[in-house]
Structure formats: C-alpha cells, structure tokens
Amino acid sequence: MFGFLSRFLGLWFIAGAMVSLIMDLTKSIAASTWLSASTGQLWFEWSPQTLNAAQAAIQRHVSVALWDPFLQSLLLMPPWVLLGPLGLLLLWMGDKGRGVRTQLH
C-alpha cells in the first residue's frame, strides 16, 4: 500500500514540476528573458490564507527558527525545483524492485 501511495504522489509531484517548468519557460520566451515564479509567490496568489496559517502554525507550534531561514528560503525557489526531486524520491521509495531480489539461475 505504501508503495502505491508513494508512486502515485511521486507522479503527481513530477507532473506539477513539469507544468510549473513549462509555465516558466513560456513566460520567459514571451519576455525574452528568464522569468521564474517562486513557490511562495504562487502559493500566495492561489491561497494567501493557507500560507499565513502555515506560517503562524509553524512559528507558534514548531519553531520560529524553522520558518525564517529554512522554509522561507525554500519558498523562494521555483516550484519545479522542489517538486521534481521530491517526486523522484517518492518514485524511488515506491519502486517495487528496490528490495532484495531473488534470482533464479
């Protein structure tokens, strides 16, 4: 069950990374210069309430230091930089053949 869920989420993250990369590339081609939206910017445009709630919850219940240097720097990265490797990691973790294989000769 874990393998299926991991592969499913991994494929969705890879798809999200591809969509984000294609959006950045089309904007860059249209502007004739490299343009890239940050994860935090997109999150704020789509749902500012959840971004503010996540910040408040992490700062209040986890650690103020976790939000400011670490998570803030992640939110400044493009979504495809975050989603791509995370999706690949999930696909690797859910790989059926990753365990010990028995071979018949």
C-alpha atoms as a PDB file:
ATOM      1  CA  MET A   1       0.000   0.000   0.000  1.00  0.00           C
ATOM      2  CA  PHE A   2       2.835   2.382   0.856  1.00  0.00           C
ATOM      3  CA  GLY A   3       4.491   1.682  -2.493  1.00  0.00           C
ATOM      4  CA  PHE A   4       1.351   2.522  -4.432  1.00  0.00           C
ATOM      5  CA  LEU A   5       0.770   5.741  -2.492  1.00  0.00           C
ATOM      6  CA  SER A   6       4.400   6.753  -2.865  1.00  0.00           C
ATOM      7  CA  ARG A   7       4.371   6.145  -6.628  1.00  0.00           C
ATOM      8  CA  PHE A   8       1.019   7.936  -7.000  1.00  0.00           C
ATOM      9  CA  LEU A   9       2.193  11.039  -5.138  1.00  0.00           C
ATOM     10  CA  GLY A  10       5.543  10.928  -6.914  1.00  0.00           C
ATOM     11  CA  LEU A  11       3.872  11.001 -10.314  1.00  0.00           C
ATOM     12  CA  TRP A  12       1.666  13.928  -9.260  1.00  0.00           C
ATOM     13  CA  PHE A  13       4.688  15.857  -7.989  1.00  0.00           C
ATOM     14  CA  ILE A  14       6.572  15.173 -11.227  1.00  0.00           C
ATOM     15  CA  ALA A  15       3.533  16.347 -13.219  1.00  0.00           C
ATOM     16  CA  GLY A  16       3.300  19.515 -11.109  1.00  0.00           C
ATOM     17  CA  ALA A  17       7.003  20.167 -11.623  1.00  0.00           C
ATOM     18  CA  MET A  18       6.629  19.767 -15.386  1.00  0.00           C
ATOM     19  CA  VAL A  19       3.634  22.126 -15.512  1.00  0.00           C
ATOM     20  CA  SER A  20       5.496  24.701 -13.435  1.00  0.00           C
ATOM     21  CA  LEU A  21       8.605  24.446 -15.614  1.00  0.00           C
ATOM     22  CA  ILE A  22       6.561  24.802 -18.803  1.00  0.00           C
ATOM     23  CA  MET A  23       4.789  27.868 -17.377  1.00  0.00           C
ATOM     24  CA  ASP A  24       8.151  29.446 -16.512  1.00  0.00           C
ATOM     25  CA  LEU A  25       9.558  28.635 -19.938  1.00  0.00           C
ATOM     26  CA  THR A  26       6.599  30.115 -21.821  1.00  0.00           C
ATOM     27  CA  LYS A  27       6.730  33.312 -19.735  1.00  0.00           C
ATOM     28  CA  SER A  28      10.479  33.512 -20.327  1.00  0.00           C
ATOM     29  CA  ILE A  29      10.137  33.036 -24.075  1.00  0.00           C
ATOM     30  CA  ALA A  30       7.446  35.705 -24.258  1.00  0.00           C
ATOM     31  CA  ALA A  31       9.561  38.171 -22.264  1.00  0.00           C
ATOM     32  CA  SER A  32      12.871  37.234 -23.958  1.00  0.00           C
ATOM     33  CA  THR A  33      14.493  36.904 -20.535  1.00  0.00           C
ATOM     34  CA  TRP A  34      14.470  34.302 -17.785  1.00  0.00           C
ATOM     35  CA  LEU A  35      11.417  34.648 -15.551  1.00  0.00           C
ATOM     36  CA  SER A  36      10.612  32.239 -12.778  1.00  0.00           C
ATOM     37  CA  ALA A  37       7.837  32.404 -10.215  1.00  0.00           C
ATOM     38  CA  SER A  38       8.700  31.412  -6.663  1.00  0.00           C
ATOM     39  CA  THR A  39       6.787  28.768  -4.747  1.00  0.00           C
ATOM     40  CA  GLY A  40       5.792  31.296  -2.086  1.00  0.00           C
ATOM     41  CA  GLN A  41       4.533  33.750  -4.691  1.00  0.00           C
ATOM     42  CA  LEU A  42       2.357  31.118  -6.360  1.00  0.00           C
ATOM     43  CA  TRP A  43       1.086  29.864  -3.005  1.00  0.00           C
ATOM     44  CA  PHE A  44       0.174  33.444  -2.016  1.00  0.00           C
ATOM     45  CA  GLU A  45      -1.635  34.022  -5.329  1.00  0.00           C
ATOM     46  CA  TRP A  46      -3.657  30.796  -5.028  1.00  0.00           C
ATOM     47  CA  SER A  47      -4.414  30.778  -1.300  1.00  0.00           C
ATOM     48  CA  PRO A  48      -2.984  33.519   0.910  1.00  0.00           C
ATOM     49  CA  GLN A  49      -4.990  32.341   3.935  1.00  0.00           C
ATOM     50  CA  THR A  50      -3.341  28.917   3.985  1.00  0.00           C
ATOM     51  CA  LEU A  51       0.132  30.422   3.564  1.00  0.00           C
ATOM     52  CA  ASN A  52      -0.462  32.734   6.519  1.00  0.00           C
ATOM     53  CA  ALA A  53      -1.957  29.889   8.551  1.00  0.00           C
ATOM     54  CA  ALA A  54       1.007  27.621   7.781  1.00  0.00           C
ATOM     55  CA  GLN A  55       3.457  30.338   8.792  1.00  0.00           C
ATOM     56  CA  ALA A  56       1.618  31.043  12.042  1.00  0.00           C
ATOM     57  CA  ALA A  57       1.270  27.355  12.902  1.00  0.00           C
ATOM     58  CA  ILE A  58       4.933  26.570  12.250  1.00  0.00           C
ATOM     59  CA  GLN A  59       6.187  29.604  14.135  1.00  0.00           C
ATOM     60  CA  ARG A  60       3.854  29.048  17.079  1.00  0.00           C
ATOM     61  CA  HIS A  61       3.875  25.259  17.416  1.00  0.00           C
ATOM     62  CA  VAL A  62       7.196  24.139  15.932  1.00  0.00           C
ATOM     63  CA  SER A  63       9.911  26.782  15.865  1.00  0.00           C
ATOM     64  CA  VAL A  64      10.352  30.362  14.752  1.00  0.00           C
ATOM     65  CA  ALA A  65      13.844  29.468  13.536  1.00  0.00           C
ATOM     66  CA  LEU A  66      12.450  26.759  11.241  1.00  0.00           C
ATOM     67  CA  TRP A  67      10.312  29.235   9.306  1.00  0.00           C
ATOM     68  CA  ASP A  68      12.695  32.137   8.864  1.00  0.00           C
ATOM     69  CA  PRO A  69      15.941  30.709   7.495  1.00  0.00           C
ATOM     70  CA  PHE A  70      14.858  27.298   6.206  1.00  0.00           C
ATOM     71  CA  LEU A  71      11.277  27.327   4.938  1.00  0.00           C
ATOM     72  CA  GLN A  72      11.469  30.891   3.706  1.00  0.00           C
ATOM     73  CA  SER A  73      14.436  30.004   1.506  1.00  0.00           C
ATOM     74  CA  LEU A  74      12.515  27.009   0.137  1.00  0.00           C
ATOM     75  CA  LEU A  75       9.542  29.241  -0.691  1.00  0.00           C
ATOM     76  CA  LEU A  76      11.822  31.494  -2.747  1.00  0.00           C
ATOM     77  CA  MET A  77      12.696  28.593  -5.069  1.00  0.00           C
ATOM     78  CA  PRO A  78      10.668  27.777  -8.190  1.00  0.00           C
ATOM     79  CA  PRO A  79       8.105  25.004  -7.655  1.00  0.00           C
ATOM     80  CA  TRP A  80       9.760  22.716 -10.206  1.00  0.00           C
ATOM     81  CA  VAL A  81      12.989  22.786  -8.191  1.00  0.00           C
ATOM     82  CA  LEU A  82      11.133  21.488  -5.142  1.00  0.00           C
ATOM     83  CA  LEU A  83       8.543  19.188  -6.695  1.00  0.00           C
ATOM     84  CA  GLY A  84      10.831  17.453  -9.198  1.00  0.00           C
ATOM     85  CA  PRO A  85      13.358  15.951  -6.763  1.00  0.00           C
ATOM     86  CA  LEU A  86      10.640  15.211  -4.211  1.00  0.00           C
ATOM     87  CA  GLY A  87       8.642  13.367  -6.865  1.00  0.00           C
ATOM     88  CA  LEU A  88      11.695  11.391  -7.970  1.00  0.00           C
ATOM     89  CA  LEU A  89      12.427  10.476  -4.350  1.00  0.00           C
ATOM     90  CA  LEU A  90       8.865   9.255  -3.852  1.00  0.00           C
ATOM     91  CA  LEU A  91       9.012   7.237  -7.072  1.00  0.00           C
ATOM     92  CA  TRP A  92      12.283   5.672  -5.948  1.00  0.00           C
ATOM     93  CA  MET A  93      10.858   4.843  -2.499  1.00  0.00           C
ATOM     94  CA  GLY A  94       7.801   3.222  -4.053  1.00  0.00           C
ATOM     95  CA  ASP A  95       9.761   1.178  -6.596  1.00  0.00           C
ATOM     96  CA  LYS A  96       8.654  -2.454  -6.489  1.00  0.00           C
ATOM     97  CA  GLY A  97      12.073  -3.819  -7.361  1.00  0.00           C
ATOM     98  CA  ARG A  98      14.020  -1.770  -4.823  1.00  0.00           C
ATOM     99  CA  GLY A  99      14.070  -4.520  -2.193  1.00  0.00           C
ATOM    100  CA  VAL A 100      16.160  -7.646  -2.084  1.00  0.00           C
ATOM    101  CA  ARG A 101      15.673  -9.603  -5.293  1.00  0.00           C
ATOM    102  CA  THR A 102      15.947 -13.312  -5.551  1.00  0.00           C
ATOM    103  CA  GLN A 103      17.276 -14.503  -8.846  1.00  0.00           C
ATOM    104  CA  LEU A 104      16.755 -17.930 -10.300  1.00  0.00           C
ATOM    105  CA  HIS A 105      19.586 -19.257 -12.391  1.00  0.00           C
END
